[in-house]
């Protein structure tokens, strides 16, 4: 027996309203929406007011004609930007793999976690291999420190209300005061470091991808097993991080 998809009546009605605007008209009044969707005027009015207050709909000067609001365009813009972000990252990461053959990742912040949204993995048998969609504590990662360093003291305390931080390995920063000291270094150096704080024996360098307001919105990182690190390799990693972050920032967020 085919399982029926669960339905939420109010959610269905909101979606029906959105789909109404895919037709020939770009605006409707309350009566037209109620009649087209066979919905009671009273409940239609309440839904429209809710959508209006959230920016998903807007009205003309009379306040009677409804049309699609700015919020949907903002969501679409964000989607297109993120698609461009990962697409441009893949191009840059290919160059890094060709030159260094070490794992390179793209990540963003979600709450107090680091989310991996892009990766190109080294072909070495010994390598760091993060999986897309996996999250790790921000304070235990190089990219996480980059993104945390962009936050104010108040924002940091909101993320970390406790003075004790989660340990991933024995080398993970474990106190809020030590994290603040580490973030001061990140701001001065403009690089984030992970020296075995996520995976024993793996070091990582990260930099910031910045938007038009010079805010860190994402991070590029390169991870290397300690056994392959030399002075020359470490220097090349920093050069690639600096160039790649600048290139990705310019292509995605600073285009004219």
C-alpha atoms as a PDB file:
ATOM      1  CA  UNK A   1       0.000   0.000   0.000  1.00  0.00           C
ATOM      2  CA  UNK A   2       1.432   3.371  -1.005  1.00  0.00           C
ATOM      3  CA  UNK A   3       2.197   5.577   1.975  1.00  0.00           C
ATOM      4  CA  UNK A   4       0.564   8.987   1.900  1.00  0.00           C
ATOM      5  CA  UNK A   5       2.821  11.989   2.400  1.00  0.00           C
ATOM      6  CA  UNK A   6       2.043  13.797   5.672  1.00  0.00           C
ATOM      7  CA  UNK A   7       0.188  17.086   5.245  1.00  0.00           C
ATOM      8  CA  UNK A   8      -0.049  20.216   7.337  1.00  0.00           C
ATOM      9  CA  UNK A   9      -3.086  22.172   6.206  1.00  0.00           C
ATOM     10  CA  UNK A  10      -1.740  25.636   7.009  1.00  0.00           C
ATOM     11  CA  UNK A  11       1.576  24.866   5.280  1.00  0.00           C
ATOM     12  CA  UNK A  12      -0.287  23.621   2.216  1.00  0.00           C
ATOM     13  CA  UNK A  13      -2.248  26.855   2.077  1.00  0.00           C
ATOM     14  CA  UNK A  14       0.910  28.963   2.221  1.00  0.00           C
ATOM     15  CA  UNK A  15       2.417  26.931  -0.612  1.00  0.00           C
ATOM     16  CA  UNK A  16      -0.806  27.206  -2.602  1.00  0.00           C
ATOM     17  CA  UNK A  17      -0.589  30.998  -2.301  1.00  0.00           C
ATOM     18  CA  UNK A  18       3.001  30.980  -3.533  1.00  0.00           C
ATOM     19  CA  UNK A  19       2.059  28.763  -6.477  1.00  0.00           C
ATOM     20  CA  UNK A  20      -0.811  31.073  -7.378  1.00  0.00           C
ATOM     21  CA  UNK A  21       1.794  33.714  -8.259  1.00  0.00           C
ATOM     22  CA  UNK A  22       3.326  31.423 -10.911  1.00  0.00           C
ATOM     23  CA  UNK A  23       0.300  32.124 -13.110  1.00  0.00           C
ATOM     24  CA  UNK A  24      -0.400  35.002 -15.459  1.00  0.00           C
ATOM     25  CA  UNK A  25      -1.041  37.667 -12.801  1.00  0.00           C
ATOM     26  CA  UNK A  26       1.623  39.143 -10.536  1.00  0.00           C
ATOM     27  CA  UNK A  27      -0.787  40.475  -7.911  1.00  0.00           C
ATOM     28  CA  UNK A  28      -4.088  39.400  -6.330  1.00  0.00           C
ATOM     29  CA  UNK A  29      -6.468  40.827  -3.757  1.00  0.00           C
ATOM     30  CA  UNK A  30      -7.881  38.926  -0.787  1.00  0.00           C
ATOM     31  CA  UNK A  31     -11.105  37.964  -2.555  1.00  0.00           C
ATOM     32  CA  UNK A  32      -9.259  36.637  -5.615  1.00  0.00           C
ATOM     33  CA  UNK A  33      -6.875  34.556  -3.551  1.00  0.00           C
ATOM     34  CA  UNK A  34      -9.674  33.147  -1.420  1.00  0.00           C
ATOM     35  CA  UNK A  35     -11.792  32.306  -4.486  1.00  0.00           C
ATOM     36  CA  UNK A  36      -8.961  30.824  -6.588  1.00  0.00           C
ATOM     37  CA  UNK A  37      -7.787  28.560  -3.770  1.00  0.00           C
ATOM     38  CA  UNK A  38     -11.230  27.782  -2.336  1.00  0.00           C
ATOM     39  CA  UNK A  39     -10.161  29.033   1.092  1.00  0.00           C
ATOM     40  CA  UNK A  40     -12.320  30.856   3.684  1.00  0.00           C
ATOM     41  CA  UNK A  41     -11.727  34.601   3.558  1.00  0.00           C
ATOM     42  CA  UNK A  42     -11.090  34.825   7.301  1.00  0.00           C
ATOM     43  CA  UNK A  43      -8.273  32.246   7.362  1.00  0.00           C
ATOM     44  CA  UNK A  44      -6.899  33.547   4.054  1.00  0.00           C
ATOM     45  CA  UNK A  45      -6.644  37.020   5.566  1.00  0.00           C
ATOM     46  CA  UNK A  46      -4.704  35.747   8.602  1.00  0.00           C
ATOM     47  CA  UNK A  47      -2.254  33.781   6.451  1.00  0.00           C
ATOM     48  CA  UNK A  48      -1.697  36.748   4.139  1.00  0.00           C
ATOM     49  CA  UNK A  49      -1.014  39.058   7.084  1.00  0.00           C
ATOM     50  CA  UNK A  50       1.508  36.583   8.495  1.00  0.00           C
ATOM     51  CA  UNK A  51       3.273  36.264   5.134  1.00  0.00           C
ATOM     52  CA  UNK A  52       3.194  40.042   4.779  1.00  0.00           C
ATOM     53  CA  UNK A  53       4.795  40.625   8.187  1.00  0.00           C
ATOM     54  CA  UNK A  54       7.588  38.138   7.362  1.00  0.00           C
ATOM     55  CA  UNK A  55       8.381  39.787   4.031  1.00  0.00           C
ATOM     56  CA  UNK A  56       7.169  36.944   1.829  1.00  0.00           C
ATOM     57  CA  UNK A  57       4.411  39.136   0.422  1.00  0.00           C
ATOM     58  CA  UNK A  58       4.012  42.861  -0.043  1.00  0.00           C
ATOM     59  CA  UNK A  59       1.130  45.121  -1.029  1.00  0.00           C
ATOM     60  CA  UNK A  60       0.611  48.050  -3.345  1.00  0.00           C
ATOM     61  CA  UNK A  61      -0.127  51.560  -2.016  1.00  0.00           C
ATOM     62  CA  UNK A  62      -3.766  50.708  -1.471  1.00  0.00           C
ATOM     63  CA  UNK A  63      -2.794  47.793   0.760  1.00  0.00           C
ATOM     64  CA  UNK A  64      -5.276  45.575  -1.071  1.00  0.00           C
ATOM     65  CA  UNK A  65      -3.222  43.967  -3.845  1.00  0.00           C
ATOM     66  CA  UNK A  66      -0.709  41.324  -2.752  1.00  0.00           C
ATOM     67  CA  UNK A  67       2.418  40.329  -4.647  1.00  0.00           C
ATOM     68  CA  UNK A  68       5.629  38.371  -3.972  1.00  0.00           C
ATOM     69  CA  UNK A  69       7.804  40.112  -1.349  1.00  0.00           C
ATOM     70  CA  UNK A  70      11.519  40.713  -0.973  1.00  0.00           C
ATOM     71  CA  UNK A  71      12.161  37.680   1.262  1.00  0.00           C
ATOM     72  CA  UNK A  72      11.803  35.159  -1.558  1.00  0.00           C
ATOM     73  CA  UNK A  73      14.218  37.144  -3.710  1.00  0.00           C
ATOM     74  CA  UNK A  74      16.666  37.277  -0.791  1.00  0.00           C
ATOM     75  CA  UNK A  75      16.427  33.500  -0.397  1.00  0.00           C
ATOM     76  CA  UNK A  76      16.982  32.989  -4.117  1.00  0.00           C
ATOM     77  CA  UNK A  77      19.931  35.379  -4.049  1.00  0.00           C
ATOM     78  CA  UNK A  78      21.452  33.482  -1.133  1.00  0.00           C
ATOM     79  CA  UNK A  79      20.951  30.178  -2.919  1.00  0.00           C
ATOM     80  CA  UNK A  80      22.589  31.457  -6.093  1.00  0.00           C
ATOM     81  CA  UNK A  81      25.469  32.928  -4.094  1.00  0.00           C
ATOM     82  CA  UNK A  82      26.084  29.637  -2.272  1.00  0.00           C
ATOM     83  CA  UNK A  83      25.926  27.745  -5.550  1.00  0.00           C
ATOM     84  CA  UNK A  84      28.486  30.166  -6.973  1.00  0.00           C
ATOM     85  CA  UNK A  85      30.591  29.827  -3.807  1.00  0.00           C
ATOM     86  CA  UNK A  86      30.912  26.048  -4.055  1.00  0.00           C
ATOM     87  CA  UNK A  87      31.295  26.137  -7.831  1.00  0.00           C
ATOM     88  CA  UNK A  88      34.149  28.637  -7.742  1.00  0.00           C
ATOM     89  CA  UNK A  89      35.700  26.771  -4.809  1.00  0.00           C
ATOM     90  CA  UNK A  90      35.851  23.548  -6.830  1.00  0.00           C
ATOM     91  CA  UNK A  91      37.814  25.341  -9.555  1.00  0.00           C
ATOM     92  CA  UNK A  92      40.268  26.782  -7.030  1.00  0.00           C
ATOM     93  CA  UNK A  93      40.568  23.496  -5.131  1.00  0.00           C
ATOM     94  CA  UNK A  94      41.549  21.668  -8.310  1.00  0.00           C
ATOM     95  CA  UNK A  95      44.549  23.990  -8.610  1.00  0.00           C
ATOM     96  CA  UNK A  96      45.535  23.350  -5.007  1.00  0.00           C
ATOM     97  CA  UNK A  97      45.294  19.586  -5.403  1.00  0.00           C
ATOM     98  CA  UNK A  98      47.366  19.766  -8.592  1.00  0.00           C
ATOM     99  CA  UNK A  99      50.053  21.793  -6.830  1.00  0.00           C
ATOM    100  CA  UNK A 100      50.054  20.402  -3.270  1.00  0.00           C
ATOM    101  CA  UNK A 101      47.999  17.196  -3.436  1.00  0.00           C
ATOM    102  CA  UNK A 102      46.661  17.827   0.068  1.00  0.00           C
ATOM    103  CA  UNK A 103      43.008  17.885   1.118  1.00  0.00           C
ATOM    104  CA  UNK A 104      41.343  21.282   0.764  1.00  0.00           C
ATOM    105  CA  UNK A 105      37.953  22.119   2.286  1.00  0.00           C
ATOM    106  CA  UNK A 106      35.333  24.852   2.204  1.00  0.00           C
ATOM    107  CA  UNK A 107      33.230  25.386   5.309  1.00  0.00           C
ATOM    108  CA  UNK A 108      30.749  27.752   6.930  1.00  0.00           C
ATOM    109  CA  UNK A 109      29.459  28.364  10.456  1.00  0.00           C
ATOM    110  CA  UNK A 110      26.157  27.006  11.689  1.00  0.00           C
ATOM    111  CA  UNK A 111      25.654  27.922  15.340  1.00  0.00           C
ATOM    112  CA  UNK A 112      28.722  26.758  17.233  1.00  0.00           C
ATOM    113  CA  UNK A 113      29.519  24.100  14.636  1.00  0.00           C
ATOM    114  CA  UNK A 114      31.619  24.087  11.473  1.00  0.00           C
ATOM    115  CA  UNK A 115      29.810  22.668   8.435  1.00  0.00           C
ATOM    116  CA  UNK A 116      31.791  21.304   5.474  1.00  0.00           C
ATOM    117  CA  UNK A 117      30.149  22.333   2.191  1.00  0.00           C
ATOM    118  CA  UNK A 118      32.988  21.655  -0.276  1.00  0.00           C
ATOM    119  CA  UNK A 119      36.061  19.454  -0.514  1.00  0.00           C
ATOM    120  CA  UNK A 120      38.757  18.110  -2.798  1.00  0.00           C
ATOM    121  CA  UNK A 121      40.589  15.155  -1.307  1.00  0.00           C
ATOM    122  CA  UNK A 122      44.274  14.295  -1.632  1.00  0.00           C
ATOM    123  CA  UNK A 123      45.167  11.178  -3.614  1.00  0.00           C
ATOM    124  CA  UNK A 124      47.670  10.105  -0.932  1.00  0.00           C
ATOM    125  CA  UNK A 125      46.643   6.943   0.911  1.00  0.00           C
ATOM    126  CA  UNK A 126      47.329   8.769   4.200  1.00  0.00           C
ATOM    127  CA  UNK A 127      45.059  11.818   4.174  1.00  0.00           C
ATOM    128  CA  UNK A 128      42.419  13.775   6.020  1.00  0.00           C
ATOM    129  CA  UNK A 129      39.033  13.105   4.469  1.00  0.00           C
ATOM    130  CA  UNK A 130      36.160  15.257   5.848  1.00  0.00           C
ATOM    131  CA  UNK A 131      32.720  14.383   4.527  1.00  0.00           C
ATOM    132  CA  UNK A 132      30.340  16.978   3.121  1.00  0.00           C
ATOM    133  CA  UNK A 133      27.608  17.810   5.584  1.00  0.00           C
ATOM    134  CA  UNK A 134      29.672  16.743   8.593  1.00  0.00           C
ATOM    135  CA  UNK A 135      29.904  19.218  11.487  1.00  0.00           C
ATOM    136  CA  UNK A 136      32.669  19.731  14.044  1.00  0.00           C
ATOM    137  CA  UNK A 137      32.992  22.111  17.012  1.00  0.00           C
ATOM    138  CA  UNK A 138      34.210  25.486  15.757  1.00  0.00           C
ATOM    139  CA  UNK A 139      36.834  25.882  18.464  1.00  0.00           C
ATOM    140  CA  UNK A 140      38.469  22.568  17.498  1.00  0.00           C
ATOM    141  CA  UNK A 141      39.072  23.488  13.847  1.00  0.00           C
ATOM    142  CA  UNK A 142      41.249  25.932  11.933  1.00  0.00           C
ATOM    143  CA  UNK A 143      38.338  27.205   9.844  1.00  0.00           C
ATOM    144  CA  UNK A 144      36.158  27.452  12.912  1.00  0.00           C
ATOM    145  CA  UNK A 145      38.688  29.726  14.595  1.00  0.00           C
ATOM    146  CA  UNK A 146      38.739  31.929  11.497  1.00  0.00           C
ATOM    147  CA  UNK A 147      34.962  32.325  11.633  1.00  0.00           C
ATOM    148  CA  UNK A 148      34.903  32.805  15.407  1.00  0.00           C
ATOM    149  CA  UNK A 149      37.581  35.500  15.187  1.00  0.00           C
ATOM    150  CA  UNK A 150      35.113  37.649  13.241  1.00  0.00           C
ATOM    151  CA  UNK A 151      32.606  37.691  16.124  1.00  0.00           C
ATOM    152  CA  UNK A 152      32.307  40.175  18.973  1.00  0.00           C
ATOM    153  CA  UNK A 153      32.937  39.244  22.608  1.00  0.00           C
ATOM    154  CA  UNK A 154      29.166  39.235  23.212  1.00  0.00           C
ATOM    155  CA  UNK A 155      28.535  36.924  20.256  1.00  0.00           C
ATOM    156  CA  UNK A 156      31.287  34.566  21.401  1.00  0.00           C
ATOM    157  CA  UNK A 157      29.914  34.370  24.928  1.00  0.00           C
ATOM    158  CA  UNK A 158      26.442  33.625  23.542  1.00  0.00           C
ATOM    159  CA  UNK A 159      27.917  30.688  21.605  1.00  0.00           C
ATOM    160  CA  UNK A 160      29.927  29.488  24.604  1.00  0.00           C
ATOM    161  CA  UNK A 161      27.985  30.193  27.823  1.00  0.00           C
ATOM    162  CA  UNK A 162      30.154  27.699  29.723  1.00  0.00           C
ATOM    163  CA  UNK A 163      33.831  28.249  30.517  1.00  0.00           C
ATOM    164  CA  UNK A 164      34.551  24.601  29.669  1.00  0.00           C
ATOM    165  CA  UNK A 165      34.685  23.631  25.987  1.00  0.00           C
ATOM    166  CA  UNK A 166      34.175  20.247  24.378  1.00  0.00           C
ATOM    167  CA  UNK A 167      37.392  18.310  23.755  1.00  0.00           C
ATOM    168  CA  UNK A 168      37.721  16.333  20.509  1.00  0.00           C
ATOM    169  CA  UNK A 169      41.323  15.257  21.122  1.00  0.00           C
ATOM    170  CA  UNK A 170      43.742  15.838  23.996  1.00  0.00           C
ATOM    171  CA  UNK A 171      45.027  18.925  22.136  1.00  0.00           C
ATOM    172  CA  UNK A 172      41.673  20.663  21.681  1.00  0.00           C
ATOM    173  CA  UNK A 173      41.263  24.051  23.372  1.00  0.00           C
ATOM    174  CA  UNK A 174      39.213  23.290  26.465  1.00  0.00           C
ATOM    175  CA  UNK A 175      38.474  26.662  28.108  1.00  0.00           C
ATOM    176  CA  UNK A 176      36.762  29.847  26.986  1.00  0.00           C
ATOM    177  CA  UNK A 177      39.659  32.010  28.191  1.00  0.00           C
ATOM    178  CA  UNK A 178      42.156  29.994  26.117  1.00  0.00           C
ATOM    179  CA  UNK A 179      39.857  30.301  23.117  1.00  0.00           C
ATOM    180  CA  UNK A 180      39.816  34.100  23.442  1.00  0.00           C
ATOM    181  CA  UNK A 181      43.635  34.133  23.514  1.00  0.00           C
ATOM    182  CA  UNK A 182      43.750  31.915  20.435  1.00  0.00           C
ATOM    183  CA  UNK A 183      41.326  34.156  18.544  1.00  0.00           C
ATOM    184  CA  UNK A 184      43.476  37.200  19.284  1.00  0.00           C
ATOM    185  CA  UNK A 185      46.341  35.402  17.517  1.00  0.00           C
ATOM    186  CA  UNK A 186      44.092  34.525  14.588  1.00  0.00           C
ATOM    187  CA  UNK A 187      43.107  38.163  14.116  1.00  0.00           C
ATOM    188  CA  UNK A 188      46.749  39.260  14.084  1.00  0.00           C
ATOM    189  CA  UNK A 189      48.025  36.433  11.857  1.00  0.00           C
ATOM    190  CA  UNK A 190      44.950  36.197   9.601  1.00  0.00           C
ATOM    191  CA  UNK A 191      45.329  32.423   9.642  1.00  0.00           C
ATOM    192  CA  UNK A 192      43.630  29.787  11.760  1.00  0.00           C
ATOM    193  CA  UNK A 193      45.515  26.692  12.904  1.00  0.00           C
ATOM    194  CA  UNK A 194      44.504  23.219  14.007  1.00  0.00           C
ATOM    195  CA  UNK A 195      47.453  21.267  15.356  1.00  0.00           C
ATOM    196  CA  UNK A 196      45.929  17.863  15.984  1.00  0.00           C
ATOM    197  CA  UNK A 197      42.885  19.329  17.740  1.00  0.00           C
ATOM    198  CA  UNK A 198      40.410  17.439  15.553  1.00  0.00           C
ATOM    199  CA  UNK A 199      42.439  14.433  14.373  1.00  0.00           C
ATOM    200  CA  UNK A 200      45.688  13.357  16.015  1.00  0.00           C
ATOM    201  CA  UNK A 201      48.595  13.652  13.596  1.00  0.00           C
ATOM    202  CA  UNK A 202      46.857  16.065  11.193  1.00  0.00           C
ATOM    203  CA  UNK A 203      47.629  19.792  11.024  1.00  0.00           C
ATOM    204  CA  UNK A 204      45.495  22.346   9.221  1.00  0.00           C
ATOM    205  CA  UNK A 205      45.743  25.971   8.070  1.00  0.00           C
ATOM    206  CA  UNK A 206      42.684  28.093   7.231  1.00  0.00           C
ATOM    207  CA  UNK A 207      41.850  31.545   5.927  1.00  0.00           C
ATOM    208  CA  UNK A 208      38.731  33.684   5.564  1.00  0.00           C
ATOM    209  CA  UNK A 209      36.483  34.161   2.551  1.00  0.00           C
ATOM    210  CA  UNK A 210      35.085  37.678   3.016  1.00  0.00           C
ATOM    211  CA  UNK A 211      32.081  39.558   1.710  1.00  0.00           C
ATOM    212  CA  UNK A 212      31.764  43.186   0.580  1.00  0.00           C
ATOM    213  CA  UNK A 213      31.689  44.329   4.209  1.00  0.00           C
ATOM    214  CA  UNK A 214      34.915  42.461   4.952  1.00  0.00           C
ATOM    215  CA  UNK A 215      33.073  39.930   7.106  1.00  0.00           C
ATOM    216  CA  UNK A 216      34.193  36.292   7.150  1.00  0.00           C
ATOM    217  CA  UNK A 217      31.382  34.264   5.572  1.00  0.00           C
ATOM    218  CA  UNK A 218      33.268  31.049   4.824  1.00  0.00           C
ATOM    219  CA  UNK A 219      36.705  29.522   5.190  1.00  0.00           C
ATOM    220  CA  UNK A 220      39.142  27.589   3.019  1.00  0.00           C
ATOM    221  CA  UNK A 221      41.444  25.143   4.781  1.00  0.00           C
ATOM    222  CA  UNK A 222      44.212  22.741   3.818  1.00  0.00           C
ATOM    223  CA  UNK A 223      44.867  19.665   5.982  1.00  0.00           C
ATOM    224  CA  UNK A 224      48.124  17.701   6.004  1.00  0.00           C
ATOM    225  CA  UNK A 225      49.329  14.670   7.961  1.00  0.00           C
ATOM    226  CA  UNK A 226      52.270  15.746  10.120  1.00  0.00           C
ATOM    227  CA  UNK A 227      54.598  13.216   8.463  1.00  0.00           C
ATOM    228  CA  UNK A 228      54.447  15.143   5.167  1.00  0.00           C
ATOM    229  CA  UNK A 229      54.993  18.637   6.594  1.00  0.00           C
ATOM    230  CA  UNK A 230      58.260  20.381   5.756  1.00  0.00           C
ATOM    231  CA  UNK A 231      59.205  24.047   5.941  1.00  0.00           C
ATOM    232  CA  UNK A 232      58.679  24.408   2.201  1.00  0.00           C
ATOM    233  CA  UNK A 233      55.305  22.645   2.250  1.00  0.00           C
ATOM    234  CA  UNK A 234      54.103  24.730   5.212  1.00  0.00           C
ATOM    235  CA  UNK A 235      55.078  27.929   3.411  1.00  0.00           C
ATOM    236  CA  UNK A 236      53.310  26.838   0.207  1.00  0.00           C
ATOM    237  CA  UNK A 237      50.164  26.017   2.176  1.00  0.00           C
ATOM    238  CA  UNK A 238      50.023  29.542   3.592  1.00  0.00           C
ATOM    239  CA  UNK A 239      50.560  31.046   0.125  1.00  0.00           C
ATOM    240  CA  UNK A 240      47.748  28.966  -1.349  1.00  0.00           C
ATOM    241  CA  UNK A 241      45.353  29.780   1.481  1.00  0.00           C
ATOM    242  CA  UNK A 242      46.010  33.509   1.133  1.00  0.00           C
ATOM    243  CA  UNK A 243      45.603  33.514  -2.670  1.00  0.00           C
ATOM    244  CA  UNK A 244      42.595  31.180  -2.695  1.00  0.00           C
ATOM    245  CA  UNK A 245      40.642  33.138  -0.086  1.00  0.00           C
ATOM    246  CA  UNK A 246      41.272  36.378  -1.926  1.00  0.00           C
ATOM    247  CA  UNK A 247      40.272  34.856  -5.263  1.00  0.00           C
ATOM    248  CA  UNK A 248      37.074  33.299  -3.913  1.00  0.00           C
ATOM    249  CA  UNK A 249      36.117  36.489  -2.049  1.00  0.00           C
ATOM    250  CA  UNK A 250      36.547  38.569  -5.215  1.00  0.00           C
ATOM    251  CA  UNK A 251      34.718  36.166  -7.531  1.00  0.00           C
ATOM    252  CA  UNK A 252      31.683  35.542  -5.348  1.00  0.00           C
ATOM    253  CA  UNK A 253      31.207  38.568  -3.090  1.00  0.00           C
ATOM    254  CA  UNK A 254      33.078  41.502  -4.591  1.00  0.00           C
ATOM    255  CA  UNK A 255      32.013  41.459  -8.210  1.00  0.00           C
ATOM    256  CA  UNK A 256      30.913  44.807  -9.627  1.00  0.00           C
END
